[in-house]
N, C-alpha and C. Protein backbone atom coordinates (compact mmCIF):
# COMPACT_ATOMS: atom_id res chain seq x y z
N MET A 1 152.01 118.92 107.29
CA MET A 1 150.89 118.54 108.13
C MET A 1 150.62 117.05 107.94
N ILE A 2 150.31 116.40 109.03
CA ILE A 2 150.01 114.97 109.03
C ILE A 2 148.50 114.82 109.25
N THR A 3 147.87 113.97 108.45
CA THR A 3 146.45 113.67 108.61
C THR A 3 146.27 112.16 108.63
N ILE A 4 145.55 111.68 109.64
CA ILE A 4 145.27 110.25 109.77
C ILE A 4 143.77 110.09 109.97
N THR A 5 143.17 109.19 109.22
CA THR A 5 141.75 108.89 109.37
C THR A 5 141.62 107.47 109.89
N ASN A 6 140.74 107.31 110.89
CA ASN A 6 140.61 106.01 111.54
C ASN A 6 139.17 105.81 111.99
N GLN A 7 138.72 104.58 111.97
CA GLN A 7 137.38 104.23 112.45
C GLN A 7 137.47 103.79 113.91
N ALA A 8 136.53 104.21 114.72
CA ALA A 8 136.47 103.80 116.13
C ALA A 8 135.13 103.14 116.40
N SER A 9 135.10 102.26 117.40
CA SER A 9 133.87 101.54 117.71
C SER A 9 132.96 102.30 118.67
N PHE A 10 133.41 103.42 119.20
CA PHE A 10 132.61 104.24 120.10
C PHE A 10 132.04 105.44 119.34
N LYS A 11 131.10 106.14 119.96
CA LYS A 11 130.48 107.32 119.35
C LYS A 11 131.29 108.58 119.68
N ALA A 12 131.07 109.61 118.89
CA ALA A 12 131.79 110.87 119.07
C ALA A 12 131.56 111.44 120.47
N LYS A 13 130.35 111.31 121.00
CA LYS A 13 130.07 111.85 122.34
C LYS A 13 130.93 111.17 123.40
N ASP A 14 131.22 109.86 123.22
CA ASP A 14 132.09 109.15 124.16
C ASP A 14 133.50 109.73 124.13
N PHE A 15 134.00 110.00 122.93
CA PHE A 15 135.31 110.60 122.76
C PHE A 15 135.37 111.95 123.49
N PHE A 16 134.35 112.78 123.26
CA PHE A 16 134.36 114.12 123.84
C PHE A 16 134.12 114.10 125.35
N ASN A 17 133.34 113.15 125.84
CA ASN A 17 133.18 113.02 127.30
C ASN A 17 134.53 112.71 127.93
N TYR A 18 135.27 111.78 127.33
CA TYR A 18 136.61 111.44 127.83
C TYR A 18 137.55 112.65 127.72
N LEU A 19 137.58 113.27 126.55
CA LEU A 19 138.45 114.42 126.33
C LEU A 19 138.14 115.54 127.32
N ASN A 20 136.86 115.84 127.53
CA ASN A 20 136.49 116.91 128.46
C ASN A 20 136.95 116.61 129.87
N GLN A 21 136.82 115.35 130.30
CA GLN A 21 137.27 114.97 131.64
C GLN A 21 138.78 115.16 131.76
N GLN A 22 139.52 114.73 130.74
CA GLN A 22 140.97 114.88 130.77
C GLN A 22 141.37 116.36 130.78
N LEU A 23 140.75 117.15 129.91
CA LEU A 23 141.06 118.58 129.85
C LEU A 23 140.71 119.27 131.16
N ASN A 24 139.56 118.93 131.72
CA ASN A 24 139.13 119.52 132.97
C ASN A 24 140.18 119.27 134.06
N ASP A 25 140.64 118.03 134.17
CA ASP A 25 141.64 117.67 135.19
C ASP A 25 142.95 118.42 134.96
N VAL A 26 143.42 118.45 133.71
CA VAL A 26 144.69 119.11 133.38
C VAL A 26 144.62 120.61 133.64
N ILE A 27 143.52 121.22 133.22
CA ILE A 27 143.38 122.68 133.37
C ILE A 27 143.25 123.06 134.84
N GLN A 28 142.46 122.30 135.60
CA GLN A 28 142.34 122.61 137.03
C GLN A 28 143.70 122.48 137.73
N LYS A 29 144.44 121.45 137.39
CA LYS A 29 145.77 121.27 137.98
C LYS A 29 146.71 122.42 137.59
N ALA A 30 146.67 122.79 136.30
CA ALA A 30 147.53 123.87 135.81
C ALA A 30 147.18 125.20 136.48
N ARG A 31 145.90 125.41 136.74
CA ARG A 31 145.46 126.67 137.35
C ARG A 31 145.55 126.64 138.88
N GLY A 32 145.77 125.44 139.43
CA GLY A 32 145.92 125.31 140.87
C GLY A 32 144.63 125.49 141.65
N ASN A 33 143.50 125.15 141.03
CA ASN A 33 142.22 125.24 141.75
C ASN A 33 141.26 124.18 141.21
N ASP A 34 140.12 124.07 141.86
CA ASP A 34 139.12 123.11 141.39
C ASP A 34 137.85 123.81 140.89
N LEU A 35 138.01 125.05 140.44
CA LEU A 35 136.88 125.78 139.88
C LEU A 35 136.45 125.12 138.57
N PRO A 36 135.17 125.23 138.23
CA PRO A 36 134.71 124.63 136.97
C PRO A 36 135.46 125.20 135.77
N VAL A 37 135.69 124.36 134.80
CA VAL A 37 136.42 124.75 133.59
C VAL A 37 135.43 124.76 132.43
N LYS A 38 135.46 125.83 131.66
CA LYS A 38 134.64 125.89 130.44
C LYS A 38 135.53 125.48 129.28
N ILE A 39 135.22 124.34 128.69
CA ILE A 39 135.97 123.86 127.53
C ILE A 39 135.36 124.52 126.30
N ALA A 40 136.10 125.44 125.70
CA ALA A 40 135.60 126.19 124.55
C ALA A 40 136.78 126.81 123.81
N ALA A 41 136.51 127.24 122.59
CA ALA A 41 137.54 127.98 121.84
C ALA A 41 137.94 129.19 122.67
N GLY A 42 139.24 129.40 122.78
CA GLY A 42 139.76 130.51 123.56
C GLY A 42 140.23 130.13 124.95
N THR A 43 139.90 128.93 125.42
CA THR A 43 140.36 128.46 126.72
C THR A 43 141.88 128.26 126.65
N THR A 44 142.59 128.80 127.63
CA THR A 44 144.05 128.68 127.68
C THR A 44 144.49 128.13 129.03
N TYR A 45 145.65 127.52 129.03
CA TYR A 45 146.26 127.03 130.25
C TYR A 45 147.74 126.79 129.98
N GLN A 46 148.50 126.59 131.04
CA GLN A 46 149.92 126.34 130.88
C GLN A 46 150.35 125.17 131.75
N GLN A 47 151.08 124.23 131.14
CA GLN A 47 151.67 123.10 131.86
C GLN A 47 153.18 123.24 131.72
N ARG A 48 153.85 123.38 132.85
CA ARG A 48 155.29 123.61 132.85
C ARG A 48 155.61 124.75 131.86
N ASN A 49 156.41 124.48 130.83
CA ASN A 49 156.78 125.56 129.90
C ASN A 49 155.99 125.49 128.58
N VAL A 50 154.85 124.80 128.58
CA VAL A 50 154.02 124.69 127.38
C VAL A 50 152.73 125.47 127.59
N LYS A 51 152.50 126.42 126.68
CA LYS A 51 151.25 127.18 126.70
C LYS A 51 150.29 126.51 125.73
N ALA A 52 149.08 126.27 126.19
CA ALA A 52 148.07 125.61 125.36
C ALA A 52 146.86 126.51 125.18
N GLU A 53 146.31 126.49 123.97
CA GLU A 53 145.09 127.23 123.70
C GLU A 53 144.18 126.38 122.82
N ILE A 54 142.95 126.22 123.28
CA ILE A 54 141.94 125.56 122.45
C ILE A 54 141.48 126.59 121.45
N THR A 55 141.70 126.34 120.16
CA THR A 55 141.36 127.32 119.14
C THR A 55 140.02 127.05 118.47
N GLU A 56 139.61 125.78 118.44
CA GLU A 56 138.30 125.42 117.89
C GLU A 56 137.73 124.31 118.74
N TYR A 57 136.43 124.41 119.04
CA TYR A 57 135.80 123.37 119.84
C TYR A 57 134.31 123.32 119.54
N GLU A 58 133.87 122.12 119.20
CA GLU A 58 132.44 121.87 119.03
C GLU A 58 132.20 120.45 119.52
N PHE A 59 131.52 120.31 120.65
CA PHE A 59 131.31 119.00 121.26
C PHE A 59 130.74 118.03 120.24
N GLY A 60 131.38 116.87 120.14
CA GLY A 60 130.92 115.82 119.24
C GLY A 60 131.41 115.97 117.81
N LYS A 61 132.10 117.09 117.51
CA LYS A 61 132.52 117.32 116.13
C LYS A 61 134.01 117.63 115.99
N LYS A 62 134.51 118.62 116.76
CA LYS A 62 135.92 118.97 116.57
C LYS A 62 136.53 119.59 117.81
N TYR A 63 137.84 119.32 117.93
CA TYR A 63 138.68 119.88 118.98
C TYR A 63 140.02 120.20 118.34
N VAL A 64 140.44 121.45 118.43
CA VAL A 64 141.72 121.88 117.88
C VAL A 64 142.42 122.72 118.94
N SER A 65 143.70 122.41 119.17
CA SER A 65 144.50 123.16 120.13
C SER A 65 145.88 123.45 119.56
N VAL A 66 146.46 124.54 120.03
CA VAL A 66 147.83 124.90 119.69
C VAL A 66 148.64 124.85 120.98
N PHE A 67 149.78 124.16 120.91
CA PHE A 67 150.69 124.03 122.04
C PHE A 67 152.00 124.72 121.67
N LYS A 68 152.41 125.67 122.51
CA LYS A 68 153.63 126.43 122.23
C LYS A 68 154.62 126.25 123.38
N SER A 69 155.85 125.92 122.99
CA SER A 69 156.93 125.80 123.97
C SER A 69 158.13 126.56 123.41
N PRO A 70 159.17 126.72 124.20
CA PRO A 70 160.35 127.41 123.67
C PRO A 70 160.98 126.71 122.46
N LYS A 71 160.77 125.39 122.33
CA LYS A 71 161.42 124.64 121.25
C LYS A 71 160.51 124.33 120.07
N ILE A 72 159.19 124.21 120.28
CA ILE A 72 158.33 123.74 119.21
C ILE A 72 156.89 124.26 119.40
N ASP A 73 156.25 124.56 118.29
CA ASP A 73 154.84 124.94 118.29
C ASP A 73 154.08 123.91 117.46
N VAL A 74 153.05 123.31 118.05
CA VAL A 74 152.30 122.24 117.39
C VAL A 74 150.81 122.53 117.47
N LYS A 75 150.14 122.27 116.37
CA LYS A 75 148.68 122.38 116.31
C LYS A 75 148.13 120.98 116.08
N ILE A 76 147.21 120.54 116.96
CA ILE A 76 146.59 119.24 116.76
C ILE A 76 145.08 119.41 116.69
N GLY A 77 144.45 118.53 115.94
CA GLY A 77 143.00 118.58 115.82
C GLY A 77 142.40 117.20 115.69
N TYR A 78 141.26 117.03 116.32
CA TYR A 78 140.46 115.82 116.18
C TYR A 78 139.12 116.25 115.58
N TYR A 79 138.74 115.60 114.47
CA TYR A 79 137.48 115.89 113.80
C TYR A 79 136.71 114.58 113.74
N LEU A 80 135.52 114.56 114.32
CA LEU A 80 134.77 113.31 114.43
C LEU A 80 133.43 113.37 113.72
N THR A 81 133.05 112.24 113.15
CA THR A 81 131.76 112.09 112.50
C THR A 81 131.20 110.74 112.91
N ASP A 82 130.00 110.71 113.47
CA ASP A 82 129.39 109.44 113.83
C ASP A 82 129.06 108.63 112.58
N THR A 83 129.26 107.33 112.69
CA THR A 83 128.95 106.38 111.62
C THR A 83 128.13 105.24 112.24
N PRO A 84 127.54 104.38 111.42
CA PRO A 84 126.80 103.24 111.99
C PRO A 84 127.69 102.33 112.86
N GLN A 85 128.97 102.28 112.57
CA GLN A 85 129.90 101.43 113.32
C GLN A 85 130.46 102.11 114.57
N GLY A 86 130.27 103.38 114.73
CA GLY A 86 130.83 104.15 115.84
C GLY A 86 131.08 105.58 115.41
N CYS A 87 132.35 105.89 115.14
CA CYS A 87 132.66 107.22 114.60
C CYS A 87 133.96 107.17 113.81
N GLN A 88 134.05 108.09 112.88
CA GLN A 88 135.28 108.25 112.11
C GLN A 88 136.05 109.40 112.75
N ILE A 89 137.34 109.19 112.99
CA ILE A 89 138.20 110.21 113.58
C ILE A 89 139.23 110.64 112.55
N VAL A 90 139.30 111.92 112.30
CA VAL A 90 140.37 112.48 111.48
C VAL A 90 141.26 113.26 112.44
N PHE A 91 142.51 112.81 112.53
CA PHE A 91 143.49 113.45 113.41
C PHE A 91 144.46 114.22 112.54
N LYS A 92 144.66 115.49 112.88
CA LYS A 92 145.60 116.33 112.13
C LYS A 92 146.63 116.90 113.10
N GLU A 93 147.87 116.89 112.64
CA GLU A 93 148.95 117.46 113.43
C GLU A 93 149.83 118.29 112.50
N ASN A 94 150.12 119.50 112.93
CA ASN A 94 150.94 120.39 112.14
C ASN A 94 151.98 121.03 113.06
N VAL A 95 153.25 120.78 112.78
CA VAL A 95 154.33 121.41 113.55
C VAL A 95 154.54 122.79 112.94
N LEU A 96 153.98 123.78 113.60
CA LEU A 96 154.00 125.15 113.07
C LEU A 96 155.40 125.73 113.03
N SER A 97 156.27 125.25 113.89
CA SER A 97 157.62 125.81 113.97
C SER A 97 158.60 125.13 113.01
N TYR A 98 158.16 124.14 112.23
CA TYR A 98 159.04 123.44 111.30
C TYR A 98 159.02 124.16 109.94
N ASP A 99 160.17 124.57 109.48
CA ASP A 99 160.28 125.27 108.20
C ASP A 99 160.91 124.33 107.18
N GLU A 100 160.09 123.82 106.26
CA GLU A 100 160.58 122.86 105.25
C GLU A 100 161.68 123.45 104.38
N LYS A 101 161.69 124.76 104.19
CA LYS A 101 162.68 125.40 103.33
C LYS A 101 164.10 125.28 103.90
N LYS A 102 164.20 125.01 105.19
CA LYS A 102 165.51 124.91 105.84
C LYS A 102 166.06 123.49 105.83
N HIS A 103 165.32 122.55 105.20
CA HIS A 103 165.73 121.15 105.21
C HIS A 103 165.67 120.57 103.80
N SER A 104 166.44 119.53 103.57
CA SER A 104 166.42 118.86 102.27
C SER A 104 165.12 118.09 102.10
N ASN A 105 164.85 117.67 100.87
CA ASN A 105 163.65 116.87 100.61
C ASN A 105 163.67 115.57 101.41
N ILE A 106 164.83 114.93 101.47
CA ILE A 106 164.95 113.68 102.22
C ILE A 106 164.77 113.95 103.72
N GLY A 107 165.33 115.02 104.21
CA GLY A 107 165.17 115.39 105.62
C GLY A 107 163.72 115.66 105.95
N THR A 108 163.02 116.37 105.07
CA THR A 108 161.60 116.66 105.28
C THR A 108 160.78 115.38 105.20
N TRP A 109 161.09 114.51 104.25
CA TRP A 109 160.36 113.24 104.13
C TRP A 109 160.52 112.42 105.41
N PHE A 110 161.78 112.31 105.91
CA PHE A 110 162.03 111.53 107.12
C PHE A 110 161.32 112.16 108.31
N TYR A 111 161.35 113.47 108.41
CA TYR A 111 160.68 114.19 109.51
C TYR A 111 159.18 113.90 109.48
N ASN A 112 158.58 113.99 108.29
CA ASN A 112 157.15 113.73 108.15
C ASN A 112 156.82 112.27 108.46
N TRP A 113 157.71 111.35 108.07
CA TRP A 113 157.49 109.94 108.37
C TRP A 113 157.49 109.72 109.88
N GLN A 114 158.46 110.31 110.58
CA GLN A 114 158.53 110.19 112.03
C GLN A 114 157.27 110.78 112.68
N LEU A 115 156.85 111.94 112.18
CA LEU A 115 155.66 112.59 112.71
C LEU A 115 154.43 111.70 112.54
N LYS A 116 154.31 111.07 111.36
CA LYS A 116 153.16 110.21 111.08
C LYS A 116 153.15 109.00 112.01
N GLN A 117 154.32 108.41 112.25
CA GLN A 117 154.39 107.26 113.16
C GLN A 117 153.95 107.68 114.57
N GLY A 118 154.42 108.81 115.01
CA GLY A 118 154.03 109.32 116.33
C GLY A 118 152.55 109.64 116.40
N ALA A 119 152.01 110.20 115.33
CA ALA A 119 150.59 110.54 115.29
C ALA A 119 149.72 109.28 115.32
N LYS A 120 150.14 108.25 114.60
CA LYS A 120 149.40 106.97 114.62
C LYS A 120 149.38 106.40 116.03
N LYS A 121 150.51 106.45 116.69
CA LYS A 121 150.62 105.93 118.05
C LYS A 121 149.72 106.75 119.00
N GLN A 122 149.74 108.07 118.84
CA GLN A 122 148.94 108.95 119.68
C GLN A 122 147.45 108.68 119.48
N LEU A 123 147.02 108.52 118.23
CA LEU A 123 145.62 108.26 117.95
C LEU A 123 145.19 106.90 118.51
N LYS A 124 146.04 105.90 118.36
CA LYS A 124 145.74 104.57 118.90
C LYS A 124 145.58 104.64 120.41
N GLN A 125 146.48 105.35 121.09
CA GLN A 125 146.40 105.50 122.54
C GLN A 125 145.13 106.21 122.96
N MET A 126 144.76 107.25 122.22
CA MET A 126 143.55 107.99 122.53
C MET A 126 142.32 107.08 122.39
N LYS A 127 142.27 106.29 121.32
CA LYS A 127 141.15 105.37 121.12
C LYS A 127 141.09 104.35 122.27
N ASN A 128 142.22 103.80 122.65
CA ASN A 128 142.26 102.84 123.76
C ASN A 128 141.78 103.47 125.07
N ASN A 129 142.19 104.72 125.31
CA ASN A 129 141.77 105.42 126.53
C ASN A 129 140.26 105.66 126.54
N VAL A 130 139.71 106.04 125.40
CA VAL A 130 138.27 106.27 125.32
C VAL A 130 137.51 104.97 125.55
N LEU A 131 137.97 103.88 124.94
CA LEU A 131 137.33 102.58 125.14
C LEU A 131 137.36 102.18 126.61
N ALA A 132 138.49 102.36 127.27
CA ALA A 132 138.60 102.04 128.70
C ALA A 132 137.68 102.92 129.53
N TYR A 133 137.55 104.18 129.15
CA TYR A 133 136.72 105.15 129.86
C TYR A 133 135.24 104.80 129.76
N THR A 134 134.83 104.27 128.61
CA THR A 134 133.41 103.99 128.38
C THR A 134 132.96 102.66 128.98
N LYS A 135 133.89 101.86 129.45
CA LYS A 135 133.51 100.54 130.01
C LYS A 135 133.25 100.63 131.48
C-alpha cells in the first residue's frame, strides 16, 4: 500500500465539491442518463471494462473507492483534514490484485517505487484540478 500526505491551500469542502462534480459527470455518462446521482458508500458504476464502487464516503473527510478490471483491482482513498493553511490530504492506494509473495524483494521494491511515483503525480494533478475549479 502506498500512502502520501500532502498539504493543500484549499479547504476540504472545495476538494469534495470538485470530486462530487467529477463523479456526478462520470456516473451520469456511465449510466447513460442525466438523473441525479447520490454520491455515497455503495454507489457503483462502470466505465468501459472497469467496475467502480464507492466503499466509504463522508463529505469533507473521506472518499474511498475500489476499481476492478480484468487485469487489476485497485483501492484508492482520499482522507482530508482542514488546517489553518487549507487542508491536509492523505492519499492511499492499494493494488489489491498484486501478490508480493509471487515477486522478489527487489521486484516488489521497484513496483512500490513506481506506484508511489504515479500516486504523487495523481495527487498533484488532483490538487491542481481543485485549485482551477475553485477560481
